[in-house]
Amino acid sequence: MTEKEFSAMVKENSERLYWHIRRMVYDHEDANDILQNTFLKAWNSRENFQNKSKISTWLYRIAVNESLDFIRKRKHDLDGMSVDEVTSLGNQLRADAYFDGDETQIRLQQAIATLPPVQKMVFNMRYFDDMKYNEISKVLDTSEGALKASYHIAVEKISEFLKNID
């Protein structure tokens, strides 16, 4: 892959990957850092890309791994956020100049934040990115059946959270 081809790939995939990462870590600066690391890893390992999947799938896989590494390094609760962290997230999103959602979107993001990281990723890829289960399967290297179950459980947890909001 030439520098020109890589640059075109970055331009084509940046926004979609940014928002995928952002929905995992919630902070604009952190999402930008992870996105840069994603593209740096892609550039450094471009000779390993074998065209067995789409470039976007390969990039998602790198972004997923970078996001999970970030979450682990920050020692976030791997079972989802606590009640206090969820409240803090709502306040953070309200104050975030890059977040343009309304109160409903804030509550949805708070509900999603309570999910474990893998359920959160599956939900985000299916709901927000409108990815098909076979694409998600390639990114996360798991079966479509497991993904469907994970998505269903995530939807149930989100629904329960939203029912219990004051």
N, C-alpha and C. Protein backbone atom coordinates (compact mmCIF):
# COMPACT_ATOMS: atom_id res chain seq x y z
N MET A 1 0.85 -1.18 0.00
CA MET A 1 0.00 0.00 0.00
C MET A 1 0.89 1.24 0.00
N THR A 2 0.64 2.12 -0.93
CA THR A 2 1.42 3.35 -1.02
C THR A 2 0.91 4.37 0.00
N GLU A 3 1.69 5.43 0.19
CA GLU A 3 1.26 6.49 1.10
C GLU A 3 -0.02 7.14 0.59
N LYS A 4 -0.14 7.30 -0.70
CA LYS A 4 -1.33 7.91 -1.28
C LYS A 4 -2.56 7.02 -1.04
N GLU A 5 -2.42 5.72 -1.21
CA GLU A 5 -3.52 4.79 -0.96
C GLU A 5 -3.90 4.78 0.52
N PHE A 6 -2.87 4.82 1.36
CA PHE A 6 -3.12 4.85 2.80
C PHE A 6 -3.85 6.13 3.19
N SER A 7 -3.42 7.23 2.65
CA SER A 7 -4.07 8.51 2.94
C SER A 7 -5.54 8.49 2.52
N ALA A 8 -5.83 7.91 1.37
CA ALA A 8 -7.22 7.79 0.92
C ALA A 8 -8.02 6.89 1.86
N MET A 9 -7.40 5.81 2.33
CA MET A 9 -8.05 4.90 3.26
C MET A 9 -8.37 5.62 4.58
N VAL A 10 -7.44 6.41 5.07
CA VAL A 10 -7.65 7.17 6.30
C VAL A 10 -8.82 8.13 6.11
N LYS A 11 -8.81 8.85 5.01
CA LYS A 11 -9.87 9.82 4.74
C LYS A 11 -11.23 9.13 4.67
N GLU A 12 -11.28 7.99 4.03
CA GLU A 12 -12.54 7.26 3.84
C GLU A 12 -13.09 6.67 5.13
N ASN A 13 -12.22 6.29 6.06
CA ASN A 13 -12.65 5.55 7.24
C ASN A 13 -12.58 6.32 8.55
N SER A 14 -11.99 7.49 8.57
CA SER A 14 -11.75 8.22 9.83
C SER A 14 -13.01 8.52 10.62
N GLU A 15 -13.99 9.11 9.98
CA GLU A 15 -15.17 9.54 10.72
C GLU A 15 -15.92 8.36 11.33
N ARG A 16 -16.13 7.34 10.55
CA ARG A 16 -16.85 6.16 11.04
C ARG A 16 -16.11 5.50 12.20
N LEU A 17 -14.79 5.35 12.07
CA LEU A 17 -13.99 4.76 13.15
C LEU A 17 -13.97 5.66 14.38
N TYR A 18 -13.85 6.97 14.16
CA TYR A 18 -13.85 7.91 15.28
C TYR A 18 -15.10 7.71 16.14
N TRP A 19 -16.27 7.69 15.49
CA TRP A 19 -17.50 7.58 16.25
C TRP A 19 -17.65 6.21 16.91
N HIS A 20 -17.13 5.18 16.28
CA HIS A 20 -17.14 3.86 16.91
C HIS A 20 -16.30 3.90 18.20
N ILE A 21 -15.12 4.45 18.11
CA ILE A 21 -14.23 4.56 19.27
C ILE A 21 -14.84 5.49 20.32
N ARG A 22 -15.36 6.60 19.87
CA ARG A 22 -15.93 7.59 20.79
C ARG A 22 -17.06 7.00 21.63
N ARG A 23 -17.87 6.13 21.03
CA ARG A 23 -18.96 5.50 21.78
C ARG A 23 -18.43 4.49 22.79
N MET A 24 -17.17 4.12 22.67
CA MET A 24 -16.57 3.21 23.65
C MET A 24 -15.93 3.99 24.80
N VAL A 25 -15.27 5.09 24.50
CA VAL A 25 -14.49 5.80 25.53
C VAL A 25 -15.10 7.14 25.93
N TYR A 26 -16.04 7.66 25.13
CA TYR A 26 -16.84 8.85 25.42
C TYR A 26 -16.11 10.19 25.36
N ASP A 27 -14.81 10.22 25.51
CA ASP A 27 -14.08 11.48 25.52
C ASP A 27 -13.48 11.75 24.13
N HIS A 28 -13.65 12.97 23.64
CA HIS A 28 -13.17 13.35 22.31
C HIS A 28 -11.66 13.17 22.17
N GLU A 29 -10.90 13.69 23.14
CA GLU A 29 -9.44 13.60 23.06
C GLU A 29 -8.97 12.15 23.10
N ASP A 30 -9.56 11.35 23.97
CA ASP A 30 -9.19 9.93 24.04
C ASP A 30 -9.53 9.22 22.73
N ALA A 31 -10.69 9.52 22.17
CA ALA A 31 -11.09 8.91 20.90
C ALA A 31 -10.12 9.29 19.78
N ASN A 32 -9.71 10.55 19.75
CA ASN A 32 -8.73 10.97 18.74
C ASN A 32 -7.40 10.25 18.90
N ASP A 33 -6.94 10.10 20.15
CA ASP A 33 -5.68 9.39 20.40
C ASP A 33 -5.77 7.93 19.94
N ILE A 34 -6.88 7.29 20.27
CA ILE A 34 -7.06 5.88 19.88
C ILE A 34 -7.16 5.76 18.36
N LEU A 35 -7.83 6.70 17.73
CA LEU A 35 -7.93 6.69 16.26
C LEU A 35 -6.55 6.83 15.63
N GLN A 36 -5.74 7.74 16.15
CA GLN A 36 -4.37 7.90 15.64
C GLN A 36 -3.58 6.60 15.82
N ASN A 37 -3.71 5.98 17.01
CA ASN A 37 -3.01 4.71 17.25
C ASN A 37 -3.50 3.63 16.30
N THR A 38 -4.79 3.64 15.99
CA THR A 38 -5.35 2.67 15.06
C THR A 38 -4.70 2.80 13.69
N PHE A 39 -4.63 4.03 13.18
CA PHE A 39 -4.04 4.23 11.86
C PHE A 39 -2.53 4.01 11.87
N LEU A 40 -1.88 4.32 12.97
CA LEU A 40 -0.44 4.06 13.08
C LEU A 40 -0.18 2.56 13.02
N LYS A 41 -0.98 1.79 13.77
CA LYS A 41 -0.82 0.32 13.72
C LYS A 41 -1.13 -0.21 12.33
N ALA A 42 -2.14 0.34 11.69
CA ALA A 42 -2.49 -0.11 10.34
C ALA A 42 -1.33 0.17 9.39
N TRP A 43 -0.74 1.37 9.48
CA TRP A 43 0.38 1.71 8.61
C TRP A 43 1.55 0.77 8.85
N ASN A 44 1.87 0.54 10.12
CA ASN A 44 3.02 -0.30 10.46
C ASN A 44 2.82 -1.77 10.11
N SER A 45 1.57 -2.19 9.98
CA SER A 45 1.33 -3.60 9.66
C SER A 45 0.63 -3.76 8.30
N ARG A 46 0.71 -2.74 7.46
CA ARG A 46 0.00 -2.78 6.17
C ARG A 46 0.43 -3.95 5.29
N GLU A 47 1.69 -4.38 5.43
CA GLU A 47 2.14 -5.51 4.62
C GLU A 47 1.51 -6.83 5.08
N ASN A 48 0.93 -6.85 6.28
CA ASN A 48 0.27 -8.06 6.78
C ASN A 48 -1.18 -8.18 6.31
N PHE A 49 -1.74 -7.09 5.77
CA PHE A 49 -3.12 -7.13 5.29
C PHE A 49 -3.15 -7.99 4.03
N GLN A 50 -3.99 -9.04 4.06
CA GLN A 50 -3.98 -10.04 2.99
C GLN A 50 -5.20 -9.99 2.08
N ASN A 51 -6.00 -8.96 2.18
CA ASN A 51 -7.20 -8.83 1.35
C ASN A 51 -8.19 -9.98 1.53
N LYS A 52 -8.15 -10.66 2.68
CA LYS A 52 -9.13 -11.72 2.95
C LYS A 52 -10.44 -11.12 3.46
N SER A 53 -10.37 -9.88 3.93
CA SER A 53 -11.56 -9.16 4.37
C SER A 53 -11.46 -7.74 3.83
N LYS A 54 -12.51 -6.97 4.06
CA LYS A 54 -12.48 -5.58 3.63
C LYS A 54 -11.52 -4.79 4.50
N ILE A 55 -10.97 -3.74 3.95
CA ILE A 55 -10.06 -2.88 4.72
C ILE A 55 -10.78 -2.31 5.93
N SER A 56 -12.05 -1.95 5.77
CA SER A 56 -12.80 -1.39 6.89
C SER A 56 -12.93 -2.39 8.03
N THR A 57 -13.09 -3.68 7.70
CA THR A 57 -13.17 -4.72 8.73
C THR A 57 -11.84 -4.82 9.47
N TRP A 58 -10.75 -4.79 8.73
CA TRP A 58 -9.41 -4.84 9.32
C TRP A 58 -9.19 -3.64 10.25
N LEU A 59 -9.60 -2.46 9.79
CA LEU A 59 -9.43 -1.26 10.61
C LEU A 59 -10.30 -1.31 11.87
N TYR A 60 -11.54 -1.80 11.73
CA TYR A 60 -12.41 -1.95 12.89
C TYR A 60 -11.76 -2.88 13.92
N ARG A 61 -11.19 -3.95 13.44
CA ARG A 61 -10.56 -4.90 14.35
C ARG A 61 -9.42 -4.23 15.13
N ILE A 62 -8.61 -3.45 14.44
CA ILE A 62 -7.53 -2.73 15.11
C ILE A 62 -8.12 -1.72 16.10
N ALA A 63 -9.16 -0.99 15.70
CA ALA A 63 -9.79 0.01 16.57
C ALA A 63 -10.41 -0.64 17.80
N VAL A 64 -11.03 -1.81 17.62
CA VAL A 64 -11.61 -2.54 18.76
C VAL A 64 -10.52 -2.91 19.75
N ASN A 65 -9.42 -3.46 19.25
CA ASN A 65 -8.32 -3.85 20.14
C ASN A 65 -7.70 -2.64 20.83
N GLU A 66 -7.53 -1.55 20.10
CA GLU A 66 -6.99 -0.33 20.70
C GLU A 66 -7.93 0.22 21.78
N SER A 67 -9.22 0.20 21.52
CA SER A 67 -10.22 0.69 22.49
C SER A 67 -10.20 -0.17 23.75
N LEU A 68 -10.19 -1.49 23.56
CA LEU A 68 -10.15 -2.39 24.73
C LEU A 68 -8.87 -2.20 25.52
N ASP A 69 -7.74 -2.04 24.84
CA ASP A 69 -6.47 -1.79 25.54
C ASP A 69 -6.56 -0.50 26.35
N PHE A 70 -7.13 0.53 25.76
CA PHE A 70 -7.29 1.80 26.45
C PHE A 70 -8.15 1.63 27.70
N ILE A 71 -9.27 0.93 27.57
CA ILE A 71 -10.17 0.71 28.70
C ILE A 71 -9.45 -0.05 29.81
N ARG A 72 -8.72 -1.08 29.43
CA ARG A 72 -7.97 -1.85 30.44
C ARG A 72 -6.91 -1.00 31.13
N LYS A 73 -6.19 -0.20 30.36
CA LYS A 73 -5.14 0.66 30.94
C LYS A 73 -5.72 1.70 31.88
N ARG A 74 -6.89 2.19 31.56
CA ARG A 74 -7.55 3.18 32.41
C ARG A 74 -8.24 2.52 33.60
N LYS A 75 -8.23 1.20 33.58
CA LYS A 75 -8.82 0.41 34.67
C LYS A 75 -10.28 0.71 34.89
N HIS A 76 -10.99 1.00 33.80
CA HIS A 76 -12.43 1.15 33.91
C HIS A 76 -13.01 -0.19 34.34
N ASP A 77 -14.11 -0.14 35.01
CA ASP A 77 -14.80 -1.34 35.41
C ASP A 77 -15.18 -2.12 34.15
N LEU A 78 -14.64 -3.31 34.00
CA LEU A 78 -14.90 -4.10 32.80
C LEU A 78 -16.29 -4.70 32.78
N ASP A 79 -17.07 -4.50 33.83
CA ASP A 79 -18.46 -4.94 33.84
C ASP A 79 -19.41 -3.78 33.54
N GLY A 80 -18.87 -2.66 33.11
CA GLY A 80 -19.69 -1.48 32.85
C GLY A 80 -19.48 -0.46 33.94
N MET A 81 -20.04 0.72 33.75
CA MET A 81 -19.86 1.81 34.70
C MET A 81 -20.78 1.67 35.91
N SER A 82 -20.31 2.23 37.02
CA SER A 82 -21.13 2.28 38.23
C SER A 82 -22.17 3.39 38.09
N VAL A 83 -23.10 3.46 39.03
CA VAL A 83 -24.15 4.49 39.01
C VAL A 83 -23.53 5.88 39.04
N ASP A 84 -22.54 6.10 39.90
CA ASP A 84 -21.89 7.42 39.98
C ASP A 84 -21.18 7.77 38.67
N GLU A 85 -20.52 6.78 38.06
CA GLU A 85 -19.83 7.03 36.79
C GLU A 85 -20.83 7.34 35.68
N VAL A 86 -21.98 6.68 35.70
CA VAL A 86 -23.02 6.92 34.70
C VAL A 86 -23.56 8.35 34.84
N THR A 87 -23.79 8.78 36.07
CA THR A 87 -24.25 10.15 36.32
C THR A 87 -23.20 11.14 35.83
N SER A 88 -21.95 10.87 36.15
CA SER A 88 -20.85 11.72 35.72
C SER A 88 -20.76 11.77 34.19
N LEU A 89 -20.98 10.64 33.53
CA LEU A 89 -20.96 10.60 32.07
C LEU A 89 -22.04 11.51 31.49
N GLY A 90 -23.23 11.49 32.07
CA GLY A 90 -24.30 12.36 31.61
C GLY A 90 -23.89 13.82 31.69
N ASN A 91 -23.28 14.21 32.81
CA ASN A 91 -22.81 15.59 32.98
C ASN A 91 -21.70 15.92 31.99
N GLN A 92 -20.80 14.95 31.77
CA GLN A 92 -19.70 15.13 30.82
C GLN A 92 -20.23 15.34 29.41
N LEU A 93 -21.21 14.55 29.01
CA LEU A 93 -21.78 14.67 27.66
C LEU A 93 -22.51 16.00 27.48
N ARG A 94 -23.23 16.45 28.53
CA ARG A 94 -23.92 17.73 28.45
C ARG A 94 -22.94 18.89 28.24
N ALA A 95 -21.74 18.76 28.83
CA ALA A 95 -20.74 19.83 28.75
C ALA A 95 -19.82 19.69 27.53
N ASP A 96 -19.91 18.59 26.81
CA ASP A 96 -19.01 18.30 25.70
C ASP A 96 -19.44 19.05 24.44
N ALA A 97 -18.58 19.92 23.95
CA ALA A 97 -18.88 20.71 22.74
C ALA A 97 -19.03 19.83 21.50
N TYR A 98 -18.45 18.64 21.51
CA TYR A 98 -18.51 17.75 20.35
C TYR A 98 -19.73 16.85 20.35
N PHE A 99 -20.45 16.80 21.47
CA PHE A 99 -21.66 15.97 21.58
C PHE A 99 -22.87 16.82 21.22
N ASP A 100 -23.62 16.38 20.22
CA ASP A 100 -24.76 17.19 19.79
C ASP A 100 -26.10 16.51 20.03
N GLY A 101 -26.12 15.51 20.89
CA GLY A 101 -27.36 14.81 21.18
C GLY A 101 -28.23 15.53 22.19
N ASP A 102 -29.47 15.10 22.28
CA ASP A 102 -30.40 15.66 23.25
C ASP A 102 -30.41 14.79 24.51
N GLU A 103 -31.33 15.08 25.41
CA GLU A 103 -31.42 14.34 26.67
C GLU A 103 -31.66 12.85 26.43
N THR A 104 -32.44 12.51 25.42
CA THR A 104 -32.70 11.09 25.11
C THR A 104 -31.40 10.39 24.72
N GLN A 105 -30.58 11.05 23.90
CA GLN A 105 -29.30 10.47 23.50
C GLN A 105 -28.36 10.33 24.70
N ILE A 106 -28.39 11.29 25.60
CA ILE A 106 -27.55 11.20 26.80
C ILE A 106 -27.98 9.99 27.63
N ARG A 107 -29.27 9.81 27.81
CA ARG A 107 -29.75 8.66 28.60
C ARG A 107 -29.41 7.35 27.90
N LEU A 108 -29.51 7.31 26.58
CA LEU A 108 -29.13 6.10 25.85
C LEU A 108 -27.64 5.82 26.05
N GLN A 109 -26.80 6.85 25.96
CA GLN A 109 -25.36 6.66 26.17
C GLN A 109 -25.07 6.20 27.60
N GLN A 110 -25.81 6.73 28.56
CA GLN A 110 -25.64 6.28 29.94
C GLN A 110 -26.02 4.81 30.06
N ALA A 111 -27.09 4.40 29.43
CA ALA A 111 -27.50 2.98 29.48
C ALA A 111 -26.45 2.09 28.83
N ILE A 112 -25.95 2.51 27.69
CA ILE A 112 -24.93 1.72 27.00
C ILE A 112 -23.66 1.61 27.83
N ALA A 113 -23.35 2.68 28.57
CA ALA A 113 -22.14 2.69 29.40
C ALA A 113 -22.16 1.63 30.50
N THR A 114 -23.34 1.17 30.87
CA THR A 114 -23.42 0.16 31.93
C THR A 114 -23.10 -1.24 31.42
N LEU A 115 -22.99 -1.38 30.09
CA LEU A 115 -22.71 -2.69 29.50
C LEU A 115 -21.23 -3.04 29.61
N PRO A 116 -20.92 -4.34 29.68
CA PRO A 116 -19.51 -4.74 29.58
C PRO A 116 -18.98 -4.36 28.19
N PRO A 117 -17.67 -4.15 28.06
CA PRO A 117 -17.11 -3.64 26.81
C PRO A 117 -17.49 -4.42 25.54
N VAL A 118 -17.48 -5.72 25.58
CA VAL A 118 -17.78 -6.48 24.37
C VAL A 118 -19.26 -6.32 23.99
N GLN A 119 -20.17 -6.36 24.96
CA GLN A 119 -21.59 -6.13 24.66
C GLN A 119 -21.78 -4.72 24.11
N LYS A 120 -21.05 -3.76 24.68
CA LYS A 120 -21.13 -2.38 24.23
C LYS A 120 -20.69 -2.29 22.76
N MET A 121 -19.59 -2.95 22.43
CA MET A 121 -19.10 -2.93 21.05
C MET A 121 -20.10 -3.56 20.09
N VAL A 122 -20.63 -4.71 20.48
CA VAL A 122 -21.60 -5.39 19.62
C VAL A 122 -22.82 -4.50 19.42
N PHE A 123 -23.33 -3.93 20.49
CA PHE A 123 -24.49 -3.05 20.37
C PHE A 123 -24.19 -1.86 19.47
N ASN A 124 -23.06 -1.20 19.70
CA ASN A 124 -22.71 -0.03 18.91
C ASN A 124 -22.54 -0.35 17.43
N MET A 125 -21.87 -1.46 17.14
CA MET A 125 -21.65 -1.82 15.74
C MET A 125 -22.96 -2.16 15.04
N ARG A 126 -23.85 -2.82 15.75
CA ARG A 126 -25.13 -3.22 15.15
C ARG A 126 -26.10 -2.04 15.08
N TYR A 127 -26.24 -1.31 16.19
CA TYR A 127 -27.24 -0.25 16.28
C TYR A 127 -26.80 1.04 15.57
N PHE A 128 -25.62 1.54 15.91
CA PHE A 128 -25.17 2.82 15.37
C PHE A 128 -24.49 2.69 14.01
N ASP A 129 -23.66 1.66 13.86
CA ASP A 129 -22.91 1.50 12.61
C ASP A 129 -23.67 0.66 11.59
N ASP A 130 -24.79 0.08 12.00
CA ASP A 130 -25.65 -0.71 11.12
C ASP A 130 -24.88 -1.83 10.42
N MET A 131 -23.94 -2.42 11.16
CA MET A 131 -23.16 -3.53 10.60
C MET A 131 -23.97 -4.83 10.70
N LYS A 132 -23.78 -5.67 9.73
CA LYS A 132 -24.43 -6.98 9.74
C LYS A 132 -23.64 -7.90 10.66
N TYR A 133 -24.33 -8.92 11.17
CA TYR A 133 -23.67 -9.84 12.10
C TYR A 133 -22.44 -10.51 11.49
N ASN A 134 -22.49 -10.81 10.20
CA ASN A 134 -21.32 -11.46 9.59
C ASN A 134 -20.11 -10.52 9.56
N GLU A 135 -20.33 -9.21 9.41
CA GLU A 135 -19.23 -8.24 9.47
C GLU A 135 -18.68 -8.14 10.89
N ILE A 136 -19.58 -8.04 11.85
CA ILE A 136 -19.16 -7.94 13.26
C ILE A 136 -18.39 -9.20 13.64
N SER A 137 -18.84 -10.34 13.14
CA SER A 137 -18.19 -11.61 13.42
C SER A 137 -16.72 -11.59 12.97
N LYS A 138 -16.47 -10.99 11.82
CA LYS A 138 -15.09 -10.89 11.32
C LYS A 138 -14.26 -9.93 12.17
N VAL A 139 -14.88 -8.85 12.60
CA VAL A 139 -14.16 -7.86 13.42
C VAL A 139 -13.80 -8.44 14.79
N LEU A 140 -14.78 -9.06 15.43
CA LEU A 140 -14.58 -9.56 16.80
C LEU A 140 -14.13 -11.02 16.86
N ASP A 141 -14.08 -11.67 15.71
CA ASP A 141 -13.63 -13.06 15.61
C ASP A 141 -14.44 -13.97 16.53
N THR A 142 -15.76 -13.90 16.36
CA THR A 142 -16.66 -14.74 17.14
C THR A 142 -17.84 -15.14 16.25
N SER A 143 -18.63 -16.08 16.72
CA SER A 143 -19.74 -16.59 15.90
C SER A 143 -20.90 -15.60 15.84
N GLU A 144 -21.65 -15.69 14.76
CA GLU A 144 -22.82 -14.84 14.61
C GLU A 144 -23.85 -15.14 15.69
N GLY A 145 -23.99 -16.40 16.07
CA GLY A 145 -24.93 -16.77 17.13
C GLY A 145 -24.59 -16.10 18.45
N ALA A 146 -23.31 -16.09 18.79
CA ALA A 146 -22.87 -15.44 20.03
C ALA A 146 -23.13 -13.94 19.96
N LEU A 147 -22.94 -13.35 18.79
CA LEU A 147 -23.18 -11.92 18.62
C LEU A 147 -24.65 -11.58 18.77
N LYS A 148 -25.51 -12.41 18.17
CA LYS A 148 -26.95 -12.17 18.28
C LYS A 148 -27.39 -12.25 19.74
N ALA A 149 -26.86 -13.23 20.46
CA ALA A 149 -27.20 -13.37 21.88
C ALA A 149 -26.69 -12.16 22.66
N SER A 150 -25.47 -11.73 22.38
CA SER A 150 -24.88 -10.58 23.07
C SER A 150 -25.69 -9.32 22.78
N TYR A 151 -26.10 -9.12 21.54
CA TYR A 151 -26.89 -7.95 21.18
C TYR A 151 -28.25 -7.99 21.89
N HIS A 152 -28.88 -9.14 21.90
CA HIS A 152 -30.18 -9.29 22.55
C HIS A 152 -30.08 -8.97 24.05
N ILE A 153 -29.06 -9.48 24.70
CA ILE A 153 -28.86 -9.22 26.13
C ILE A 153 -28.59 -7.73 26.35
N ALA A 154 -27.79 -7.12 25.47
CA ALA A 154 -27.50 -5.69 25.59
C ALA A 154 -28.78 -4.87 25.46
N VAL A 155 -29.62 -5.21 24.50
CA VAL A 155 -30.89 -4.49 24.31
C VAL A 155 -31.76 -4.62 25.56
N GLU A 156 -31.81 -5.81 26.13
CA GLU A 156 -32.60 -6.02 27.35
C GLU A 156 -32.07 -5.16 28.50
N LYS A 157 -30.75 -5.13 28.67
CA LYS A 157 -30.15 -4.34 29.75
C LYS A 157 -30.41 -2.84 29.54
N ILE A 158 -30.28 -2.39 28.30
CA ILE A 158 -30.53 -0.98 28.00
C ILE A 158 -31.98 -0.63 28.27
N SER A 159 -32.88 -1.50 27.83
CA SER A 159 -34.32 -1.26 28.07
C SER A 159 -34.63 -1.19 29.55
N GLU A 160 -34.04 -2.09 30.31
CA GLU A 160 -34.26 -2.10 31.76
C GLU A 160 -33.74 -0.83 32.40
N PHE A 161 -32.55 -0.41 31.99
CA PHE A 161 -31.96 0.82 32.51
C PHE A 161 -32.87 2.01 32.21
N LEU A 162 -33.35 2.11 30.99
CA LEU A 162 -34.19 3.25 30.59
C LEU A 162 -35.53 3.24 31.30
N LYS A 163 -36.07 2.07 31.62
CA LYS A 163 -37.32 1.99 32.37
C LYS A 163 -37.15 2.50 33.79
N ASN A 164 -35.95 2.31 34.34
CA ASN A 164 -35.72 2.65 35.75
C ASN A 164 -35.18 4.06 35.98
N ILE A 165 -35.06 4.84 34.92
CA ILE A 165 -34.57 6.23 35.06
C ILE A 165 -35.70 7.06 35.66
N ASP A 166 -35.32 7.91 36.56
CA ASP A 166 -36.31 8.79 37.22
C ASP A 166 -36.92 9.76 36.24
